[in-house]
Amino acid sequence: MIEAVYDNIKIFIDGEQLDPRDANGQQVEPFIYNGTTYLPVRAVGEAIGKDVSWDGVEKVVYLGAKPGGEENWLSVCGPYQYTKGEEYRLTDNKYFTMSGQKYTNGFVLEANAWYDHKAEALFNLNGKYSSLTFTAGHIDGSGDRNATLNVYLDGIIAYTTELGYDDVAKPITVPLNNALQMKIEIVGIDLNVNIQAGVQYGFSEGIFS
């Protein structure tokens, strides 16, 4: 038994008052015990952009990713909209191949004449992240054409590189600088306007930090 003091303690994060609630949506109140102020970890963690989980067996609270574990970008902050794009998730037993290797938990973009030789995926970052690392490459068996990869942050190109159909899939790191929105775009750079068949490039192993 402990004696705690509830004194209408308020929580402000970056100047905005937090309305702390538990996983069931019920209001929870901070309290003081033995000179220390205790805050509801789930409400505060989620307010600062961290997933919160509880391991009842080991009696451990996790803020963000668990040690030794990886959280794919589709779960953390996946695209909210695609143009000529398709998701591939391990939970759906879907994968694609690049350079002879299987990849999942990512997406494929196809540039063809139906959409001005472009394809794109849009992300709502909410200013949470400083960088993104992912693997990009040509989808085995798709058109033998090259493409340009452009990454836009808040409407401005922040990163660009050429993707060759005969290149090995490669890791790419893009500084995000806490941008609000990101667009990943591929543009077929040698597609004939009269040819409807396009070229596909895959994006996987995405990790935000």
Protein backbone atom coordinates (compact mmCIF):
# COMPACT_ATOMS: atom_id res chain seq x y z
CA MET A 1 0.00 0.00 0.00
CA ILE A 2 1.19 3.52 -0.83
CA GLU A 3 -0.21 6.94 -0.10
CA ALA A 4 -0.45 8.94 -3.31
CA VAL A 5 -1.45 12.56 -3.81
CA TYR A 6 -3.80 13.46 -6.66
CA ASP A 7 -3.67 17.23 -7.07
CA ASN A 8 -5.18 17.93 -10.51
CA ILE A 9 -1.73 17.68 -12.13
CA LYS A 10 -1.68 18.81 -15.75
CA ILE A 11 0.64 17.64 -18.55
CA PHE A 12 1.78 19.96 -21.34
CA ILE A 13 3.76 18.73 -24.37
CA ASP A 14 5.32 21.46 -26.53
CA GLY A 15 2.89 23.99 -25.10
CA GLU A 16 -0.27 21.93 -25.65
CA GLN A 17 -2.18 20.36 -22.80
CA LEU A 18 -2.48 16.58 -22.92
CA ASP A 19 -5.74 14.83 -22.09
CA PRO A 20 -4.25 11.55 -20.78
CA ARG A 21 -6.31 8.43 -21.36
CA ASP A 22 -5.68 4.71 -21.03
CA ALA A 23 -6.03 2.00 -23.71
CA ASN A 24 -9.80 1.89 -23.09
CA GLY A 25 -10.23 5.63 -23.53
CA GLN A 26 -10.73 6.36 -19.83
CA GLN A 27 -9.13 9.45 -18.35
CA VAL A 28 -6.10 8.80 -16.15
CA GLU A 29 -4.57 11.29 -13.75
CA PRO A 30 -0.92 11.80 -12.75
CA PHE A 31 -0.11 11.52 -9.06
CA ILE A 32 2.68 12.27 -6.58
CA TYR A 33 4.25 9.64 -4.35
CA ASN A 34 7.17 10.18 -2.03
CA GLY A 35 8.21 13.39 -3.80
CA THR A 36 8.11 11.94 -7.34
CA THR A 37 5.46 12.73 -9.94
CA TYR A 38 4.21 9.68 -11.85
CA LEU A 39 2.71 10.06 -15.33
CA PRO A 40 0.59 7.58 -17.35
CA VAL A 41 3.20 6.08 -19.67
CA ARG A 42 0.82 5.08 -22.49
CA ALA A 43 -0.77 8.50 -22.80
CA VAL A 44 2.55 10.35 -22.68
CA GLY A 45 4.38 7.87 -24.94
CA GLU A 46 1.75 8.00 -27.67
CA ALA A 47 1.58 11.80 -27.41
CA ILE A 48 5.28 12.02 -28.33
CA GLY A 49 4.88 9.58 -31.22
CA LYS A 50 6.00 6.33 -29.58
CA ASP A 51 4.13 3.04 -29.68
CA VAL A 52 3.63 1.71 -26.15
CA SER A 53 3.36 -1.98 -25.28
CA TRP A 54 3.35 -4.02 -22.07
CA ASP A 55 4.92 -7.44 -21.56
CA GLY A 56 2.98 -8.87 -18.65
CA VAL A 57 5.18 -11.94 -18.36
CA GLU A 58 8.52 -10.10 -18.12
CA LYS A 59 6.93 -7.01 -16.52
CA VAL A 60 8.45 -4.67 -19.10
CA VAL A 61 7.08 -1.48 -20.68
CA TYR A 62 8.29 -0.79 -24.23
CA LEU A 63 8.31 2.68 -25.76
CA GLY A 64 8.87 2.41 -29.51
CA ALA A 65 10.58 -0.65 -30.96
CA LYS A 66 11.43 -3.62 -28.73
CA PRO A 67 15.13 -4.50 -28.28
CA GLY A 68 16.32 -6.84 -31.00
CA GLY A 69 13.11 -6.41 -32.96
CA GLU A 70 12.34 -4.60 -36.17
CA GLU A 71 9.17 -2.74 -37.04
CA ASN A 72 8.62 -2.41 -40.76
CA TRP A 73 7.67 0.94 -42.18
CA LEU A 74 4.23 -0.24 -43.31
CA SER A 75 3.31 -0.70 -39.65
CA VAL A 76 5.02 2.42 -38.33
CA CYS A 77 4.17 4.92 -41.07
CA GLY A 78 3.08 3.29 -44.32
CA PRO A 79 1.90 5.14 -47.43
CA TYR A 80 -1.65 6.45 -47.19
CA GLN A 81 -2.05 6.66 -50.96
CA TYR A 82 -0.56 5.01 -54.05
CA THR A 83 -0.64 5.88 -57.73
CA LYS A 84 0.27 2.74 -59.67
CA GLY A 85 1.51 1.06 -56.50
CA GLU A 86 0.83 -2.15 -54.59
CA GLU A 87 1.71 -3.28 -51.06
CA TYR A 88 3.36 -6.59 -50.22
CA ARG A 89 3.05 -7.72 -46.59
CA LEU A 90 4.52 -10.76 -44.89
CA THR A 91 1.26 -11.21 -42.99
CA ASP A 92 -0.47 -11.72 -46.34
CA ASN A 93 2.28 -14.10 -47.53
CA LYS A 94 3.14 -11.73 -50.37
CA TYR A 95 6.63 -10.97 -51.61
CA PHE A 96 8.49 -9.70 -54.66
CA THR A 97 11.98 -10.42 -55.96
CA MET A 98 14.83 -8.03 -56.73
CA SER A 99 18.23 -9.24 -57.90
CA GLY A 100 17.10 -12.80 -57.25
CA GLN A 101 16.26 -12.13 -53.57
CA LYS A 102 12.81 -12.22 -51.96
CA TYR A 103 11.50 -9.08 -50.27
CA THR A 104 8.31 -8.31 -48.38
CA ASN A 105 6.85 -5.62 -46.09
CA GLY A 106 7.22 -3.06 -48.82
CA PHE A 107 5.61 -1.92 -52.03
CA VAL A 108 6.06 -1.95 -55.79
CA LEU A 109 5.65 1.07 -58.07
CA GLU A 110 5.07 0.68 -61.81
CA ALA A 111 5.89 3.47 -64.27
CA ASN A 112 4.07 3.16 -67.57
CA ALA A 113 2.35 5.19 -70.24
CA TRP A 114 -0.99 5.03 -68.46
CA TYR A 115 0.16 7.61 -65.89
CA ASP A 116 2.72 9.82 -67.61
CA HIS A 117 5.45 7.24 -66.97
CA LYS A 118 5.23 7.97 -63.23
CA ALA A 119 4.20 6.12 -60.08
CA GLU A 120 4.21 7.32 -56.49
CA ALA A 121 3.54 6.59 -52.83
CA LEU A 122 2.53 9.31 -50.36
CA PHE A 123 3.44 9.28 -46.65
CA ASN A 124 2.11 11.47 -43.84
CA LEU A 125 5.17 11.82 -41.58
CA ASN A 126 3.74 14.37 -39.15
CA GLY A 127 7.23 15.72 -38.53
CA LYS A 128 8.20 12.66 -36.46
CA TYR A 129 11.27 11.37 -38.26
CA SER A 130 14.81 12.47 -39.03
CA SER A 131 15.77 9.83 -41.62
CA LEU A 132 14.56 6.83 -43.61
CA THR A 133 16.56 3.83 -44.81
CA PHE A 134 15.13 1.37 -47.33
CA THR A 135 16.18 -1.00 -50.11
CA ALA A 136 15.20 -0.19 -53.71
CA GLY A 137 15.66 -2.10 -56.92
CA HIS A 138 14.27 -3.38 -60.21
CA ILE A 139 11.58 -6.06 -59.97
CA ASP A 140 12.83 -9.24 -61.59
CA GLY A 141 10.96 -10.03 -64.79
CA SER A 142 9.48 -6.57 -65.32
CA GLY A 143 10.40 -4.26 -68.20
CA ASP A 144 14.10 -3.84 -68.91
CA ARG A 145 14.00 -0.07 -68.58
CA ASN A 146 15.66 2.36 -66.23
CA ALA A 147 13.95 4.82 -63.91
CA THR A 148 14.65 7.89 -61.82
CA LEU A 149 13.83 7.75 -58.12
CA ASN A 150 12.73 11.06 -56.58
CA VAL A 151 11.95 11.65 -52.92
CA TYR A 152 9.96 14.80 -52.18
CA LEU A 153 9.71 16.34 -48.71
CA ASP A 154 6.88 18.83 -48.28
CA GLY A 155 6.71 19.23 -52.06
CA ILE A 156 10.43 19.80 -52.70
CA ILE A 157 12.83 17.22 -54.15
CA ALA A 158 15.21 16.22 -51.36
CA TYR A 159 16.82 13.17 -52.96
CA THR A 160 17.16 11.76 -56.47
CA THR A 161 19.06 8.85 -58.01
CA GLU A 162 18.98 6.64 -61.09
CA LEU A 163 17.74 3.05 -60.79
CA GLY A 164 18.99 0.71 -63.47
CA TYR A 165 17.10 -2.41 -64.50
CA ASP A 166 20.38 -4.35 -64.41
CA ASP A 167 21.57 -2.91 -61.07
CA VAL A 168 21.58 -4.88 -57.82
CA ALA A 169 18.99 -3.72 -55.28
CA LYS A 170 20.66 -1.17 -53.02
CA PRO A 171 20.12 0.45 -49.61
CA ILE A 172 19.21 4.12 -49.65
CA THR A 173 19.16 6.59 -46.75
CA VAL A 174 17.25 9.86 -47.04
CA PRO A 175 17.43 12.65 -44.40
CA LEU A 176 13.84 13.61 -43.57
CA ASN A 177 14.52 16.64 -41.38
CA ASN A 178 11.20 16.17 -39.58
CA ALA A 179 9.19 16.88 -42.72
CA LEU A 180 5.41 16.66 -42.63
CA GLN A 181 4.89 14.77 -45.89
CA MET A 182 6.99 12.56 -48.13
CA LYS A 183 6.44 11.34 -51.68
CA ILE A 184 8.45 8.50 -53.20
CA GLU A 185 8.23 8.69 -56.98
CA ILE A 186 9.70 6.73 -59.87
CA VAL A 187 9.79 8.08 -63.41
CA GLY A 188 10.52 5.85 -66.38
CA ILE A 189 13.32 7.69 -68.15
CA ASP A 190 13.36 5.66 -71.37
CA LEU A 191 9.75 4.56 -71.82
CA ASN A 192 8.26 4.96 -75.27
CA VAL A 193 4.92 6.74 -75.09
CA ASN A 194 3.48 4.18 -77.52
CA ILE A 195 4.48 1.22 -75.34
CA GLN A 196 1.94 0.40 -72.64
CA ALA A 197 4.13 -2.12 -70.80
CA GLY A 198 5.93 -0.42 -67.94
CA VAL A 199 8.77 -1.00 -65.54
CA GLN A 200 8.44 -2.00 -61.88
CA TYR A 201 10.68 -1.07 -58.97
CA GLY A 202 10.39 -2.37 -55.44
CA PHE A 203 10.91 -0.72 -52.04
CA SER A 204 11.41 -2.78 -48.89
CA GLU A 205 13.21 -3.00 -45.53
CA GLY A 206 12.15 0.54 -44.64
CA ILE A 207 13.17 1.83 -41.21
CA PHE A 208 12.33 5.29 -39.87
CA SER A 209 14.43 7.00 -37.23
